[in-house]
C-alpha atoms as a PDB file:
ATOM      1  CA  UNK A   1     -51.257  66.264 -98.493  1.00  0.00           C
ATOM      2  CA  UNK A   2     -55.034  66.118 -98.910  1.00  0.00           C
ATOM      3  CA  UNK A   3     -57.203  63.292 -97.592  1.00  0.00           C
ATOM      4  CA  UNK A   4     -60.534  62.484 -99.246  1.00  0.00           C
ATOM      5  CA  UNK A   5     -63.027  59.889 -98.074  1.00  0.00           C
ATOM      6  CA  UNK A   6     -65.765  58.987-100.530  1.00  0.00           C
ATOM      7  CA  UNK A   7     -68.905  57.070 -99.548  1.00  0.00           C
ATOM      8  CA  UNK A   8     -67.285  54.560 -97.193  1.00  0.00           C
ATOM      9  CA  UNK A   9     -69.678  51.881 -95.963  1.00  0.00           C
ATOM     10  CA  UNK A  10     -68.669  49.220 -93.455  1.00  0.00           C
ATOM     11  CA  UNK A  11     -70.904  46.654 -91.812  1.00  0.00           C
ATOM     12  CA  UNK A  12     -70.572  43.718 -89.432  1.00  0.00           C
ATOM     13  CA  UNK A  13     -73.106  40.888 -89.706  1.00  0.00           C
ATOM     14  CA  UNK A  14     -75.351  43.111 -91.846  1.00  0.00           C
ATOM     15  CA  UNK A  15     -75.282  45.876 -89.215  1.00  0.00           C
ATOM     16  CA  UNK A  16     -74.129  49.193 -90.632  1.00  0.00           C
ATOM     17  CA  UNK A  17     -71.282  50.646 -88.590  1.00  0.00           C
ATOM     18  CA  UNK A  18     -70.172  53.306 -91.088  1.00  0.00           C
ATOM     19  CA  UNK A  19     -72.969  54.466 -93.369  1.00  0.00           C
ATOM     20  CA  UNK A  20     -71.816  56.239 -96.522  1.00  0.00           C
ATOM     21  CA  UNK A  21     -69.287  58.635 -94.981  1.00  0.00           C
ATOM     22  CA  UNK A  22     -67.681  61.258 -97.205  1.00  0.00           C
ATOM     23  CA  UNK A  23     -65.314  63.938 -95.934  1.00  0.00           C
ATOM     24  CA  UNK A  24     -62.194  65.884 -96.782  1.00  0.00           C
ATOM     25  CA  UNK A  25     -59.140  67.096 -94.903  1.00  0.00           C
ATOM     26  CA  UNK A  26     -57.212  69.819 -96.689  1.00  0.00           C
ATOM     27  CA  UNK A  27     -53.426  70.082 -96.712  1.00  0.00           C
ATOM     28  CA  UNK A  28     -52.172  71.505 -93.417  1.00  0.00           C
ATOM     29  CA  UNK A  29     -55.526  71.213 -91.641  1.00  0.00           C
ATOM     30  CA  UNK A  30     -55.993  69.785 -88.168  1.00  0.00           C
ATOM     31  CA  UNK A  31     -59.395  68.104 -88.280  1.00  0.00           C
ATOM     32  CA  UNK A  32     -61.079  66.332 -85.388  1.00  0.00           C
ATOM     33  CA  UNK A  33     -63.600  63.497 -85.533  1.00  0.00           C
ATOM     34  CA  UNK A  34     -66.040  63.690 -82.616  1.00  0.00           C
ATOM     35  CA  UNK A  35     -68.988  61.557 -81.583  1.00  0.00           C
ATOM     36  CA  UNK A  36     -70.382  59.311 -78.851  1.00  0.00           C
ATOM     37  CA  UNK A  37     -68.964  55.887 -78.067  1.00  0.00           C
ATOM     38  CA  UNK A  38     -69.979  53.317 -80.651  1.00  0.00           C
ATOM     39  CA  UNK A  39     -70.756  55.860 -83.368  1.00  0.00           C
ATOM     40  CA  UNK A  40     -68.155  54.397 -85.757  1.00  0.00           C
ATOM     41  CA  UNK A  41     -65.160  56.712 -85.270  1.00  0.00           C
ATOM     42  CA  UNK A  42     -62.535  53.988 -84.889  1.00  0.00           C
ATOM     43  CA  UNK A  43     -64.152  51.826 -87.564  1.00  0.00           C
ATOM     44  CA  UNK A  44     -64.061  54.717 -90.018  1.00  0.00           C
ATOM     45  CA  UNK A  45     -60.406  55.421 -89.312  1.00  0.00           C
ATOM     46  CA  UNK A  46     -59.506  51.737 -89.648  1.00  0.00           C
ATOM     47  CA  UNK A  47     -61.347  51.665 -92.976  1.00  0.00           C
ATOM     48  CA  UNK A  48     -59.160  54.545 -94.123  1.00  0.00           C
ATOM     49  CA  UNK A  49     -55.828  53.091 -93.068  1.00  0.00           C
ATOM     50  CA  UNK A  50     -56.708  49.552 -94.191  1.00  0.00           C
ATOM     51  CA  UNK A  51     -57.161  47.572 -91.009  1.00  0.00           C
ATOM     52  CA  UNK A  52     -60.707  47.016 -92.314  1.00  0.00           C
ATOM     53  CA  UNK A  53     -61.813  46.635 -95.914  1.00  0.00           C
ATOM     54  CA  UNK A  54     -64.932  48.731 -96.551  1.00  0.00           C
ATOM     55  CA  UNK A  55     -68.002  47.168 -98.136  1.00  0.00           C
ATOM     56  CA  UNK A  56     -67.881  50.050-100.585  1.00  0.00           C
ATOM     57  CA  UNK A  57     -66.272  53.447-100.998  1.00  0.00           C
ATOM     58  CA  UNK A  58     -62.618  54.387-100.682  1.00  0.00           C
ATOM     59  CA  UNK A  59     -60.126  56.867 -99.254  1.00  0.00           C
ATOM     60  CA  UNK A  60     -57.643  58.885-101.288  1.00  0.00           C
ATOM     61  CA  UNK A  61     -54.435  60.797-100.610  1.00  0.00           C
ATOM     62  CA  UNK A  62     -53.916  63.517-103.184  1.00  0.00           C
ATOM     63  CA  UNK A  63     -56.178  61.582-105.540  1.00  0.00           C
ATOM     64  CA  UNK A  64     -54.405  58.236-105.056  1.00  0.00           C
ATOM     65  CA  UNK A  65     -56.528  55.393-103.713  1.00  0.00           C
ATOM     66  CA  UNK A  66     -55.037  54.165-100.435  1.00  0.00           C
ATOM     67  CA  UNK A  67     -56.326  50.635-101.035  1.00  0.00           C
ATOM     68  CA  UNK A  68     -54.184  50.401-104.181  1.00  0.00           C
ATOM     69  CA  UNK A  69     -50.955  51.388-102.409  1.00  0.00           C
ATOM     70  CA  UNK A  70     -48.350  48.944-101.134  1.00  0.00           C
ATOM     71  CA  UNK A  71     -47.571  49.014 -97.413  1.00  0.00           C
ATOM     72  CA  UNK A  72     -44.400  50.934 -98.105  1.00  0.00           C
ATOM     73  CA  UNK A  73     -46.134  53.434-100.389  1.00  0.00           C
ATOM     74  CA  UNK A  74     -48.848  54.136 -97.844  1.00  0.00           C
ATOM     75  CA  UNK A  75     -46.297  54.473 -95.034  1.00  0.00           C
ATOM     76  CA  UNK A  76     -44.459  57.144 -97.012  1.00  0.00           C
ATOM     77  CA  UNK A  77     -47.699  59.074 -97.487  1.00  0.00           C
ATOM     78  CA  UNK A  78     -49.492  58.486 -94.168  1.00  0.00           C
ATOM     79  CA  UNK A  79     -48.469  57.720 -90.601  1.00  0.00           C
ATOM     80  CA  UNK A  80     -50.948  56.157 -88.202  1.00  0.00           C
ATOM     81  CA  UNK A  81     -51.231  56.061 -84.426  1.00  0.00           C
ATOM     82  CA  UNK A  82     -53.848  53.549 -83.379  1.00  0.00           C
ATOM     83  CA  UNK A  83     -55.815  53.563 -80.142  1.00  0.00           C
ATOM     84  CA  UNK A  84     -54.779  49.996 -79.339  1.00  0.00           C
ATOM     85  CA  UNK A  85     -51.023  49.839 -78.934  1.00  0.00           C
ATOM     86  CA  UNK A  86     -50.596  46.736 -76.796  1.00  0.00           C
ATOM     87  CA  UNK A  87     -46.914  45.854 -77.035  1.00  0.00           C
ATOM     88  CA  UNK A  88     -46.302  42.276 -75.941  1.00  0.00           C
ATOM     89  CA  UNK A  89     -42.512  42.393 -76.238  1.00  0.00           C
ATOM     90  CA  UNK A  90     -40.162  44.964 -74.824  1.00  0.00           C
ATOM     91  CA  UNK A  91     -37.580  47.128 -76.542  1.00  0.00           C
ATOM     92  CA  UNK A  92     -35.703  50.322 -75.922  1.00  0.00           C
ATOM     93  CA  UNK A  93     -37.397  53.631 -76.646  1.00  0.00           C
ATOM     94  CA  UNK A  94     -34.858  54.325 -79.397  1.00  0.00           C
ATOM     95  CA  UNK A  95     -35.661  51.043 -81.156  1.00  0.00           C
ATOM     96  CA  UNK A  96     -39.422  51.589 -80.803  1.00  0.00           C
ATOM     97  CA  UNK A  97     -39.128  54.977 -82.520  1.00  0.00           C
ATOM     98  CA  UNK A  98     -36.783  53.587 -85.198  1.00  0.00           C
ATOM     99  CA  UNK A  99     -39.589  51.232 -86.288  1.00  0.00           C
ATOM    100  CA  UNK A 100     -41.214  54.275 -87.876  1.00  0.00           C
ATOM    101  CA  UNK A 101     -38.368  54.468 -90.390  1.00  0.00           C
ATOM    102  CA  UNK A 102     -39.079  51.067 -92.005  1.00  0.00           C
ATOM    103  CA  UNK A 103     -40.540  52.580 -95.182  1.00  0.00           C
ATOM    104  CA  UNK A 104     -37.325  54.527 -95.734  1.00  0.00           C
ATOM    105  CA  UNK A 105     -35.023  51.521 -95.427  1.00  0.00           C
ATOM    106  CA  UNK A 106     -33.394  50.308 -98.628  1.00  0.00           C
ATOM    107  CA  UNK A 107     -33.586  46.599 -99.386  1.00  0.00           C
ATOM    108  CA  UNK A 108     -29.847  46.264 -99.915  1.00  0.00           C
ATOM    109  CA  UNK A 109     -28.672  48.788 -97.354  1.00  0.00           C
ATOM    110  CA  UNK A 110     -27.181  52.126 -98.324  1.00  0.00           C
ATOM    111  CA  UNK A 111     -29.004  54.208 -95.724  1.00  0.00           C
ATOM    112  CA  UNK A 112     -27.027  56.959 -94.068  1.00  0.00           C
ATOM    113  CA  UNK A 113     -26.950  55.479 -90.556  1.00  0.00           C
ATOM    114  CA  UNK A 114     -25.803  58.730 -88.984  1.00  0.00           C
ATOM    115  CA  UNK A 115     -28.668  60.636 -90.638  1.00  0.00           C
ATOM    116  CA  UNK A 116     -31.189  57.949 -89.682  1.00  0.00           C
ATOM    117  CA  UNK A 117     -30.034  58.016 -86.068  1.00  0.00           C
ATOM    118  CA  UNK A 118     -30.315  61.807 -85.944  1.00  0.00           C
ATOM    119  CA  UNK A 119     -33.875  61.713 -87.290  1.00  0.00           C
ATOM    120  CA  UNK A 120     -34.835  59.358 -84.462  1.00  0.00           C
ATOM    121  CA  UNK A 121     -33.005  61.366 -81.801  1.00  0.00           C
ATOM    122  CA  UNK A 122     -34.603  64.598 -83.021  1.00  0.00           C
ATOM    123  CA  UNK A 123     -38.078  63.067 -82.768  1.00  0.00           C
ATOM    124  CA  UNK A 124     -37.396  61.740 -79.266  1.00  0.00           C
ATOM    125  CA  UNK A 125     -36.275  65.208 -78.209  1.00  0.00           C
ATOM    126  CA  UNK A 126     -39.306  66.790 -79.929  1.00  0.00           C
ATOM    127  CA  UNK A 127     -41.678  64.777 -77.732  1.00  0.00           C
ATOM    128  CA  UNK A 128     -39.731  65.624 -74.573  1.00  0.00           C
ATOM    129  CA  UNK A 129     -38.058  62.251 -74.011  1.00  0.00           C
ATOM    130  CA  UNK A 130     -34.396  63.157 -74.518  1.00  0.00           C
ATOM    131  CA  UNK A 131     -32.372  60.926 -72.237  1.00  0.00           C
ATOM    132  CA  UNK A 132     -34.927  58.107 -72.453  1.00  0.00           C
ATOM    133  CA  UNK A 133     -33.379  56.470 -75.531  1.00  0.00           C
ATOM    134  CA  UNK A 134     -32.181  53.370 -73.651  1.00  0.00           C
ATOM    135  CA  UNK A 135     -35.162  53.096 -71.321  1.00  0.00           C
ATOM    136  CA  UNK A 136     -37.403  50.048 -71.551  1.00  0.00           C
ATOM    137  CA  UNK A 137     -40.628  50.953 -73.362  1.00  0.00           C
ATOM    138  CA  UNK A 138     -42.726  48.807 -71.034  1.00  0.00           C
ATOM    139  CA  UNK A 139     -41.280  50.599 -67.997  1.00  0.00           C
ATOM    140  CA  UNK A 140     -42.662  53.966 -69.146  1.00  0.00           C
ATOM    141  CA  UNK A 141     -45.744  55.691 -67.823  1.00  0.00           C
ATOM    142  CA  UNK A 142     -48.839  55.900 -70.024  1.00  0.00           C
ATOM    143  CA  UNK A 143     -48.013  59.433 -71.120  1.00  0.00           C
ATOM    144  CA  UNK A 144     -44.400  58.540 -71.885  1.00  0.00           C
ATOM    145  CA  UNK A 145     -45.512  55.550 -73.961  1.00  0.00           C
ATOM    146  CA  UNK A 146     -47.908  57.758 -75.946  1.00  0.00           C
ATOM    147  CA  UNK A 147     -45.161  60.314 -76.584  1.00  0.00           C
ATOM    148  CA  UNK A 148     -42.865  57.512 -77.754  1.00  0.00           C
ATOM    149  CA  UNK A 149     -45.527  56.361 -80.213  1.00  0.00           C
ATOM    150  CA  UNK A 150     -46.028  59.934 -81.418  1.00  0.00           C
ATOM    151  CA  UNK A 151     -42.269  60.094 -82.068  1.00  0.00           C
ATOM    152  CA  UNK A 152     -42.506  56.814 -84.008  1.00  0.00           C
ATOM    153  CA  UNK A 153     -45.235  58.346 -86.169  1.00  0.00           C
ATOM    154  CA  UNK A 154     -43.260  61.546 -86.711  1.00  0.00           C
ATOM    155  CA  UNK A 155     -40.097  59.816 -87.965  1.00  0.00           C
ATOM    156  CA  UNK A 156     -42.053  58.396 -90.886  1.00  0.00           C
ATOM    157  CA  UNK A 157     -41.873  61.928 -92.293  1.00  0.00           C
ATOM    158  CA  UNK A 158     -45.294  61.506 -93.896  1.00  0.00           C
ATOM    159  CA  UNK A 159     -47.271  64.667 -94.537  1.00  0.00           C
ATOM    160  CA  UNK A 160     -50.522  63.104 -93.284  1.00  0.00           C
ATOM    161  CA  UNK A 161     -50.988  61.650 -89.821  1.00  0.00           C
ATOM    162  CA  UNK A 162     -54.125  59.798 -88.674  1.00  0.00           C
ATOM    163  CA  UNK A 163     -54.711  59.242 -84.977  1.00  0.00           C
ATOM    164  CA  UNK A 164     -57.353  57.317 -83.074  1.00  0.00           C
ATOM    165  CA  UNK A 165     -57.936  59.183 -79.794  1.00  0.00           C
ATOM    166  CA  UNK A 166     -54.217  59.753 -79.084  1.00  0.00           C
ATOM    167  CA  UNK A 167     -54.927  61.200 -75.628  1.00  0.00           C
ATOM    168  CA  UNK A 168     -57.362  58.504 -74.468  1.00  0.00           C
ATOM    169  CA  UNK A 169     -56.785  57.356 -70.859  1.00  0.00           C
ATOM    170  CA  UNK A 170     -54.202  60.095 -70.236  1.00  0.00           C
ATOM    171  CA  UNK A 171     -54.376  62.703 -67.500  1.00  0.00           C
ATOM    172  CA  UNK A 172     -55.121  66.267 -68.524  1.00  0.00           C
ATOM    173  CA  UNK A 173     -51.495  67.407 -68.545  1.00  0.00           C
ATOM    174  CA  UNK A 174     -50.408  64.679 -70.943  1.00  0.00           C
ATOM    175  CA  UNK A 175     -53.474  65.265 -73.137  1.00  0.00           C
ATOM    176  CA  UNK A 176     -52.532  68.847 -73.856  1.00  0.00           C
ATOM    177  CA  UNK A 177     -48.824  68.044 -74.065  1.00  0.00           C
ATOM    178  CA  UNK A 178     -49.391  65.507 -76.837  1.00  0.00           C
ATOM    179  CA  UNK A 179     -51.803  67.771 -78.706  1.00  0.00           C
ATOM    180  CA  UNK A 180     -49.273  70.612 -78.499  1.00  0.00           C
ATOM    181  CA  UNK A 181     -46.642  68.326 -80.041  1.00  0.00           C
ATOM    182  CA  UNK A 182     -48.965  67.368 -82.900  1.00  0.00           C
ATOM    183  CA  UNK A 183     -50.178  70.913 -83.531  1.00  0.00           C
ATOM    184  CA  UNK A 184     -46.705  72.386 -83.954  1.00  0.00           C
ATOM    185  CA  UNK A 185     -45.700  69.858 -86.626  1.00  0.00           C
ATOM    186  CA  UNK A 186     -47.619  71.723 -89.367  1.00  0.00           C
ATOM    187  CA  UNK A 187     -48.808  68.419 -90.823  1.00  0.00           C
ATOM    188  CA  UNK A 188     -52.189  67.380 -92.166  1.00  0.00           C
ATOM    189  CA  UNK A 189     -53.821  65.785 -89.124  1.00  0.00           C
ATOM    190  CA  UNK A 190     -57.041  63.780 -88.894  1.00  0.00           C
ATOM    191  CA  UNK A 191     -57.771  62.553 -85.400  1.00  0.00           C
ATOM    192  CA  UNK A 192     -60.672  61.173 -83.425  1.00  0.00           C
ATOM    193  CA  UNK A 193     -60.920  63.058 -80.136  1.00  0.00           C
ATOM    194  CA  UNK A 194     -63.102  62.240 -77.144  1.00  0.00           C
ATOM    195  CA  UNK A 195     -62.638  65.483 -75.184  1.00  0.00           C
ATOM    196  CA  UNK A 196     -64.661  68.331 -76.705  1.00  0.00           C
ATOM    197  CA  UNK A 197     -62.542  71.063 -75.130  1.00  0.00           C
ATOM    198  CA  UNK A 198     -59.362  69.491 -76.493  1.00  0.00           C
ATOM    199  CA  UNK A 199     -60.974  69.352 -79.945  1.00  0.00           C
ATOM    200  CA  UNK A 200     -62.124  72.955 -79.585  1.00  0.00           C
ATOM    201  CA  UNK A 201     -58.652  74.150 -78.682  1.00  0.00           C
ATOM    202  CA  UNK A 202     -56.668  72.435 -81.428  1.00  0.00           C
ATOM    203  CA  UNK A 203     -58.911  71.703 -84.408  1.00  0.00           C
ATOM    204  CA  UNK A 204     -59.366  73.934 -87.444  1.00  0.00           C
ATOM    205  CA  UNK A 205     -62.550  71.990 -88.234  1.00  0.00           C
ATOM    206  CA  UNK A 206     -64.560  69.318 -86.461  1.00  0.00           C
ATOM    207  CA  UNK A 207     -66.604  66.506 -88.017  1.00  0.00           C
ATOM    208  CA  UNK A 208     -69.523  65.257 -85.922  1.00  0.00           C
ATOM    209  CA  UNK A 209     -70.360  61.569 -86.331  1.00  0.00           C
ATOM    210  CA  UNK A 210     -73.500  59.866 -85.052  1.00  0.00           C
ATOM    211  CA  UNK A 211     -74.663  56.312 -85.775  1.00  0.00           C
ATOM    212  CA  UNK A 212     -72.105  55.970 -88.534  1.00  0.00           C
ATOM    213  CA  UNK A 213     -73.107  59.145 -90.377  1.00  0.00           C
ATOM    214  CA  UNK A 214     -71.607  62.616 -90.606  1.00  0.00           C
ATOM    215  CA  UNK A 215     -74.196  64.946 -89.075  1.00  0.00           C
ATOM    216  CA  UNK A 216     -72.262  68.223 -89.158  1.00  0.00           C
ATOM    217  CA  UNK A 217     -68.944  69.745 -90.172  1.00  0.00           C
ATOM    218  CA  UNK A 218     -67.551  73.135 -89.236  1.00  0.00           C
ATOM    219  CA  UNK A 219     -65.225  75.152 -87.083  1.00  0.00           C
ATOM    220  CA  UNK A 220     -65.357  74.596 -83.315  1.00  0.00           C
ATOM    221  CA  UNK A 221     -67.374  77.808 -83.080  1.00  0.00           C
ATOM    222  CA  UNK A 222     -69.926  76.444 -85.547  1.00  0.00           C
ATOM    223  CA  UNK A 223     -70.385  72.917 -84.198  1.00  0.00           C
ATOM    224  CA  UNK A 224     -69.807  73.263 -80.473  1.00  0.00           C
ATOM    225  CA  UNK A 225     -73.090  74.937 -79.611  1.00  0.00           C
ATOM    226  CA  UNK A 226     -75.492  73.651 -76.934  1.00  0.00           C
ATOM    227  CA  UNK A 227     -78.242  72.250 -79.153  1.00  0.00           C
ATOM    228  CA  UNK A 228     -75.809  70.310 -81.362  1.00  0.00           C
ATOM    229  CA  UNK A 229     -73.959  68.896 -78.368  1.00  0.00           C
ATOM    230  CA  UNK A 230     -77.301  67.898 -76.860  1.00  0.00           C
ATOM    231  CA  UNK A 231     -78.317  66.112 -80.063  1.00  0.00           C
ATOM    232  CA  UNK A 232     -74.995  64.275 -80.207  1.00  0.00           C
ATOM    233  CA  UNK A 233     -74.364  63.352 -76.570  1.00  0.00           C
ATOM    234  CA  UNK A 234     -77.690  63.875 -74.812  1.00  0.00           C
ATOM    235  CA  UNK A 235     -76.353  66.339 -72.263  1.00  0.00           C
ATOM    236  CA  UNK A 236     -76.967  70.041 -71.680  1.00  0.00           C
ATOM    237  CA  UNK A 237     -74.075  72.461 -71.855  1.00  0.00           C
ATOM    238  CA  UNK A 238     -73.131  76.069 -71.488  1.00  0.00           C
ATOM    239  CA  UNK A 239     -70.641  77.297 -74.071  1.00  0.00           C
ATOM    240  CA  UNK A 240     -68.463  80.292 -73.264  1.00  0.00           C
ATOM    241  CA  UNK A 241     -65.309  81.700 -74.834  1.00  0.00           C
ATOM    242  CA  UNK A 242     -61.981  80.696 -73.316  1.00  0.00           C
ATOM    243  CA  UNK A 243     -60.283  84.033 -72.733  1.00  0.00           C
ATOM    244  CA  UNK A 244     -56.815  82.523 -73.110  1.00  0.00           C
ATOM    245  CA  UNK A 245     -57.417  80.746 -76.434  1.00  0.00           C
ATOM    246  CA  UNK A 246     -60.416  82.547 -77.897  1.00  0.00           C
ATOM    247  CA  UNK A 247     -61.961  79.117 -78.520  1.00  0.00           C
ATOM    248  CA  UNK A 248     -65.296  77.738 -77.303  1.00  0.00           C
ATOM    249  CA  UNK A 249     -65.180  76.368 -73.769  1.00  0.00           C
ATOM    250  CA  UNK A 250     -67.793  73.700 -73.106  1.00  0.00           C
ATOM    251  CA  UNK A 251     -69.219  73.446 -69.605  1.00  0.00           C
ATOM    252  CA  UNK A 252     -71.324  70.355 -69.031  1.00  0.00           C
ATOM    253  CA  UNK A 253     -74.516  70.635 -67.010  1.00  0.00           C
ATOM    254  CA  UNK A 254     -75.385  67.239 -65.504  1.00  0.00           C
ATOM    255  CA  UNK A 255     -78.938  66.373 -64.585  1.00  0.00           C
ATOM    256  CA  UNK A 256     -78.244  65.991 -60.876  1.00  0.00           C
ATOM    257  CA  UNK A 257     -80.726  64.218 -58.686  1.00  0.00           C
ATOM    258  CA  UNK A 258     -81.092  65.940 -55.322  1.00  0.00           C
END
């Protein structure tokens, strides 16, 4: 499942938020979107999965324009995990995950209920929440809620998954746990990521975004170098090689005032 974004422009009150972004994510790639706060990462993703309607440009899945798809068609092709997942009503973990199967439900019934149940149970086990099926979603910790939402995305059985900072506000253990879950799925993944070392560890390629424009694209080794990080975030760094992963390890050097 290949994702293509062609010349997306999005503005609010004549202020450009996304300025002519084009990019591609090849089938099976894990691609990260990195940039400072307010650079347009979330706006770009929302323009792709149709929360926002771009001023111009479009996104395509295997050549099919996402804007022209029905909700069901897009759900079969692409699963989405948004950054804002404020749930105002409670339900069991099992039912929350089952919501991800809506695109596979037949209008007049006929679904294999046993098969559907097993798909949900398998996803819950995949994210490490076996035994939580009847737990209240709102009673879960932040990391458990995020894993539940990952399971909901996985049961859609779409080949492309788009995520908006899926590890935001999580402690370091949960960050890597969730990224491990996503990485082993062998899906096409496009995700905004705020932690550079997490992006370095898991991404095949990284797209750098600044002021609504793509400023660089490459492997972690190519883009996570001190001068590019300085240009993007305004902070000095030392980049070494993580001996365990072989990936760049970014060490931040703050300008301390003595």
